[in-house]
N, C-alpha and C. Protein backbone atom coordinates (compact mmCIF):
# COMPACT_ATOMS: atom_id res chain seq x y z
N MET A 1 0.83 -1.19 0.00
CA MET A 1 0.00 0.00 0.00
C MET A 1 0.88 1.25 0.00
N LYS A 2 0.33 2.28 -0.53
CA LYS A 2 1.02 3.56 -0.59
C LYS A 2 0.75 4.33 0.71
N VAL A 3 1.79 4.96 1.26
CA VAL A 3 1.65 5.77 2.47
C VAL A 3 1.86 7.23 2.11
N VAL A 4 0.94 8.07 2.56
CA VAL A 4 1.01 9.51 2.30
C VAL A 4 0.96 10.24 3.64
N LEU A 5 1.87 11.17 3.84
CA LEU A 5 1.85 12.00 5.05
C LEU A 5 1.05 13.26 4.77
N SER A 6 0.11 13.56 5.64
CA SER A 6 -0.63 14.81 5.50
C SER A 6 0.32 15.97 5.78
N LEU A 7 -0.07 17.15 5.39
CA LEU A 7 0.73 18.34 5.67
C LEU A 7 0.95 18.48 7.17
N GLN A 8 -0.10 18.23 7.95
CA GLN A 8 0.01 18.33 9.41
C GLN A 8 1.00 17.31 9.96
N ALA A 9 0.98 16.09 9.43
CA ALA A 9 1.93 15.06 9.88
C ALA A 9 3.36 15.47 9.56
N ARG A 10 3.57 16.06 8.40
CA ARG A 10 4.92 16.54 8.03
C ARG A 10 5.39 17.64 8.99
N GLU A 11 4.49 18.55 9.31
CA GLU A 11 4.83 19.62 10.25
C GLU A 11 5.11 19.05 11.64
N ASP A 12 4.29 18.09 12.06
CA ASP A 12 4.51 17.45 13.36
C ASP A 12 5.88 16.81 13.42
N LEU A 13 6.24 16.06 12.38
CA LEU A 13 7.55 15.40 12.36
C LEU A 13 8.68 16.41 12.41
N ARG A 14 8.54 17.48 11.65
CA ARG A 14 9.57 18.52 11.67
C ARG A 14 9.72 19.09 13.08
N ASP A 15 8.60 19.36 13.73
CA ASP A 15 8.63 19.92 15.08
C ASP A 15 9.23 18.95 16.10
N VAL A 16 8.79 17.70 16.04
CA VAL A 16 9.28 16.68 16.97
C VAL A 16 10.78 16.49 16.81
N LEU A 17 11.21 16.28 15.58
CA LEU A 17 12.64 16.05 15.35
C LEU A 17 13.47 17.29 15.64
N GLY A 18 12.93 18.46 15.33
CA GLY A 18 13.64 19.70 15.65
C GLY A 18 13.84 19.87 17.14
N TYR A 19 12.83 19.51 17.91
CA TYR A 19 12.91 19.60 19.37
C TYR A 19 13.95 18.62 19.92
N ILE A 20 13.91 17.39 19.43
CA ILE A 20 14.83 16.37 19.94
C ILE A 20 16.27 16.67 19.54
N VAL A 21 16.48 17.11 18.30
CA VAL A 21 17.84 17.33 17.81
C VAL A 21 18.56 18.44 18.57
N GLU A 22 17.81 19.37 19.15
CA GLU A 22 18.44 20.44 19.93
C GLU A 22 19.22 19.88 21.11
N ASP A 23 18.68 18.84 21.74
CA ASP A 23 19.35 18.26 22.91
C ASP A 23 20.24 17.07 22.55
N THR A 24 19.74 16.20 21.70
CA THR A 24 20.46 14.98 21.37
C THR A 24 20.27 14.58 19.92
N PRO A 25 21.19 15.00 19.06
CA PRO A 25 21.09 14.64 17.64
C PRO A 25 21.00 13.14 17.41
N ARG A 26 21.73 12.37 18.19
CA ARG A 26 21.71 10.91 18.03
C ARG A 26 20.30 10.37 18.30
N ALA A 27 19.65 10.88 19.31
CA ALA A 27 18.28 10.44 19.62
C ALA A 27 17.33 10.80 18.49
N ALA A 28 17.51 11.97 17.89
CA ALA A 28 16.65 12.38 16.78
C ALA A 28 16.81 11.41 15.60
N ARG A 29 18.03 11.02 15.32
CA ARG A 29 18.27 10.06 14.23
C ARG A 29 17.62 8.71 14.56
N SER A 30 17.71 8.32 15.81
CA SER A 30 17.12 7.05 16.25
C SER A 30 15.60 7.07 16.13
N VAL A 31 14.98 8.17 16.55
CA VAL A 31 13.52 8.30 16.45
C VAL A 31 13.10 8.28 14.98
N LEU A 32 13.80 9.02 14.15
CA LEU A 32 13.47 9.04 12.72
C LEU A 32 13.59 7.65 12.11
N ALA A 33 14.64 6.93 12.46
CA ALA A 33 14.82 5.57 11.94
C ALA A 33 13.68 4.66 12.39
N ARG A 34 13.28 4.81 13.63
CA ARG A 34 12.18 3.97 14.16
C ARG A 34 10.87 4.30 13.46
N ILE A 35 10.63 5.57 13.21
CA ILE A 35 9.41 5.97 12.49
C ILE A 35 9.41 5.35 11.09
N ARG A 36 10.53 5.44 10.42
CA ARG A 36 10.63 4.85 9.07
C ARG A 36 10.37 3.35 9.09
N GLU A 37 10.95 2.66 10.08
CA GLU A 37 10.75 1.21 10.18
C GLU A 37 9.27 0.88 10.37
N ARG A 38 8.61 1.62 11.25
CA ARG A 38 7.20 1.34 11.54
C ARG A 38 6.32 1.65 10.32
N VAL A 39 6.65 2.71 9.59
CA VAL A 39 5.87 3.03 8.39
C VAL A 39 6.05 1.93 7.34
N GLU A 40 7.25 1.39 7.22
CA GLU A 40 7.47 0.27 6.30
C GLU A 40 6.64 -0.94 6.71
N GLU A 41 6.57 -1.21 8.02
CA GLU A 41 5.74 -2.31 8.52
C GLU A 41 4.27 -2.03 8.21
N LEU A 42 3.86 -0.79 8.37
CA LEU A 42 2.47 -0.41 8.09
C LEU A 42 2.12 -0.66 6.63
N GLN A 43 3.06 -0.39 5.74
CA GLN A 43 2.81 -0.65 4.31
C GLN A 43 2.51 -2.12 4.06
N ARG A 44 3.21 -2.99 4.76
CA ARG A 44 3.01 -4.43 4.59
C ARG A 44 1.77 -4.94 5.33
N TYR A 45 1.51 -4.35 6.49
CA TYR A 45 0.41 -4.80 7.35
C TYR A 45 -0.45 -3.59 7.74
N PRO A 46 -1.34 -3.14 6.88
CA PRO A 46 -2.08 -1.90 7.09
C PRO A 46 -2.98 -1.85 8.32
N HIS A 47 -3.28 -3.00 8.90
CA HIS A 47 -4.17 -3.00 10.06
C HIS A 47 -3.43 -3.26 11.37
N ILE A 48 -2.11 -3.03 11.40
CA ILE A 48 -1.37 -3.27 12.63
C ILE A 48 -1.65 -2.22 13.69
N GLY A 49 -2.16 -1.08 13.28
CA GLY A 49 -2.46 -0.03 14.24
C GLY A 49 -3.66 -0.39 15.10
N ARG A 50 -3.67 0.16 16.29
CA ARG A 50 -4.80 -0.06 17.20
C ARG A 50 -5.95 0.87 16.80
N PRO A 51 -7.17 0.57 17.24
CA PRO A 51 -8.28 1.49 16.96
C PRO A 51 -7.93 2.87 17.53
N GLY A 52 -8.21 3.90 16.75
CA GLY A 52 -7.79 5.25 17.13
C GLY A 52 -8.85 6.07 17.84
N ARG A 53 -8.42 7.21 18.33
CA ARG A 53 -9.31 8.17 18.98
C ARG A 53 -10.12 8.95 17.96
N VAL A 54 -9.56 9.09 16.76
CA VAL A 54 -10.25 9.76 15.66
C VAL A 54 -11.18 8.73 15.02
N PRO A 55 -12.48 9.03 14.89
CA PRO A 55 -13.41 8.06 14.30
C PRO A 55 -12.94 7.57 12.92
N GLY A 56 -12.91 6.25 12.77
CA GLY A 56 -12.52 5.65 11.50
C GLY A 56 -11.02 5.49 11.32
N ALA A 57 -10.25 6.05 12.24
CA ALA A 57 -8.78 6.00 12.11
C ALA A 57 -8.21 4.90 13.00
N ARG A 58 -6.97 4.55 12.71
CA ARG A 58 -6.20 3.65 13.55
C ARG A 58 -4.95 4.41 13.98
N GLU A 59 -4.28 3.92 15.02
CA GLU A 59 -3.08 4.57 15.53
C GLU A 59 -1.90 3.62 15.44
N LEU A 60 -0.89 4.05 14.73
CA LEU A 60 0.35 3.29 14.64
C LEU A 60 1.23 3.72 15.80
N VAL A 61 1.49 2.80 16.71
CA VAL A 61 2.38 3.09 17.83
C VAL A 61 3.81 2.96 17.32
N ILE A 62 4.60 4.00 17.55
CA ILE A 62 6.01 3.98 17.14
C ILE A 62 6.77 3.38 18.32
N THR A 63 6.88 2.06 18.33
CA THR A 63 7.49 1.37 19.45
C THR A 63 8.91 1.86 19.68
N GLY A 64 9.28 1.89 20.96
CA GLY A 64 10.60 2.39 21.32
C GLY A 64 10.66 3.89 21.44
N THR A 65 9.52 4.55 21.23
CA THR A 65 9.42 6.01 21.35
C THR A 65 8.08 6.32 22.03
N PRO A 66 7.88 7.56 22.47
CA PRO A 66 6.57 7.92 23.04
C PRO A 66 5.58 8.41 21.98
N TYR A 67 5.87 8.18 20.71
CA TYR A 67 5.06 8.77 19.63
C TYR A 67 4.11 7.76 18.99
N LEU A 68 3.07 8.32 18.40
CA LEU A 68 2.13 7.52 17.62
C LEU A 68 1.68 8.33 16.42
N ALA A 69 1.14 7.61 15.45
CA ALA A 69 0.71 8.26 14.20
C ALA A 69 -0.68 7.75 13.83
N PRO A 70 -1.71 8.58 14.04
CA PRO A 70 -3.04 8.17 13.58
C PRO A 70 -3.09 8.18 12.06
N TYR A 71 -3.81 7.21 11.49
CA TYR A 71 -3.88 7.11 10.03
C TYR A 71 -5.23 6.58 9.60
N LEU A 72 -5.55 6.86 8.36
CA LEU A 72 -6.76 6.37 7.71
C LEU A 72 -6.37 5.50 6.53
N ALA A 73 -7.11 4.42 6.33
CA ALA A 73 -6.93 3.59 5.15
C ALA A 73 -8.03 3.95 4.17
N VAL A 74 -7.65 4.47 3.01
CA VAL A 74 -8.61 4.86 1.98
C VAL A 74 -8.19 4.19 0.68
N ASN A 75 -9.01 3.22 0.25
CA ASN A 75 -8.70 2.43 -0.94
C ASN A 75 -7.32 1.79 -0.78
N ASP A 76 -6.38 2.10 -1.65
CA ASP A 76 -5.04 1.51 -1.56
C ASP A 76 -4.02 2.47 -0.98
N THR A 77 -4.51 3.48 -0.23
CA THR A 77 -3.63 4.49 0.34
C THR A 77 -3.82 4.57 1.85
N LEU A 78 -2.71 4.70 2.57
CA LEU A 78 -2.74 4.95 4.00
C LEU A 78 -2.33 6.40 4.21
N GLN A 79 -3.21 7.18 4.78
CA GLN A 79 -2.92 8.59 5.01
C GLN A 79 -2.60 8.80 6.48
N ILE A 80 -1.35 9.15 6.76
CA ILE A 80 -0.95 9.45 8.13
C ILE A 80 -1.39 10.88 8.42
N LEU A 81 -2.23 11.01 9.46
CA LEU A 81 -2.84 12.29 9.77
C LEU A 81 -1.96 13.18 10.63
N ARG A 82 -1.28 12.59 11.60
CA ARG A 82 -0.47 13.35 12.55
C ARG A 82 0.72 12.50 12.98
N ALA A 83 1.63 13.10 13.68
CA ALA A 83 2.71 12.41 14.37
C ALA A 83 2.79 13.11 15.72
N CYS A 84 2.34 12.44 16.77
CA CYS A 84 2.22 13.14 18.04
C CYS A 84 2.68 12.27 19.21
N HIS A 85 2.91 12.95 20.32
CA HIS A 85 3.29 12.28 21.56
C HIS A 85 2.08 11.51 22.07
N GLY A 86 2.29 10.29 22.49
CA GLY A 86 1.20 9.44 22.93
C GLY A 86 0.44 9.95 24.13
N ALA A 87 1.06 10.81 24.94
CA ALA A 87 0.39 11.34 26.13
C ALA A 87 -0.57 12.47 25.79
N ARG A 88 -0.56 12.94 24.56
CA ARG A 88 -1.44 14.06 24.19
C ARG A 88 -2.72 13.59 23.58
């Protein structure tokens, strides 16, 4: 399946990584790598996310980090809506 990041998800990622890189560049690289790995898994297994808080959406937990990514499956496309801290 094709994965598309919404504009908001792109902005979220930029903000998250920008915040982390200020203190620990290595951690920012690690978080980015983990996000990429999970998105690749999502492409292969589109229903691995848990039921989401947004109606009709699922949430991809970015294991090894405090982040999650709510997404919608529409036809053959997975649209990642946000990239946010799981506590929010």
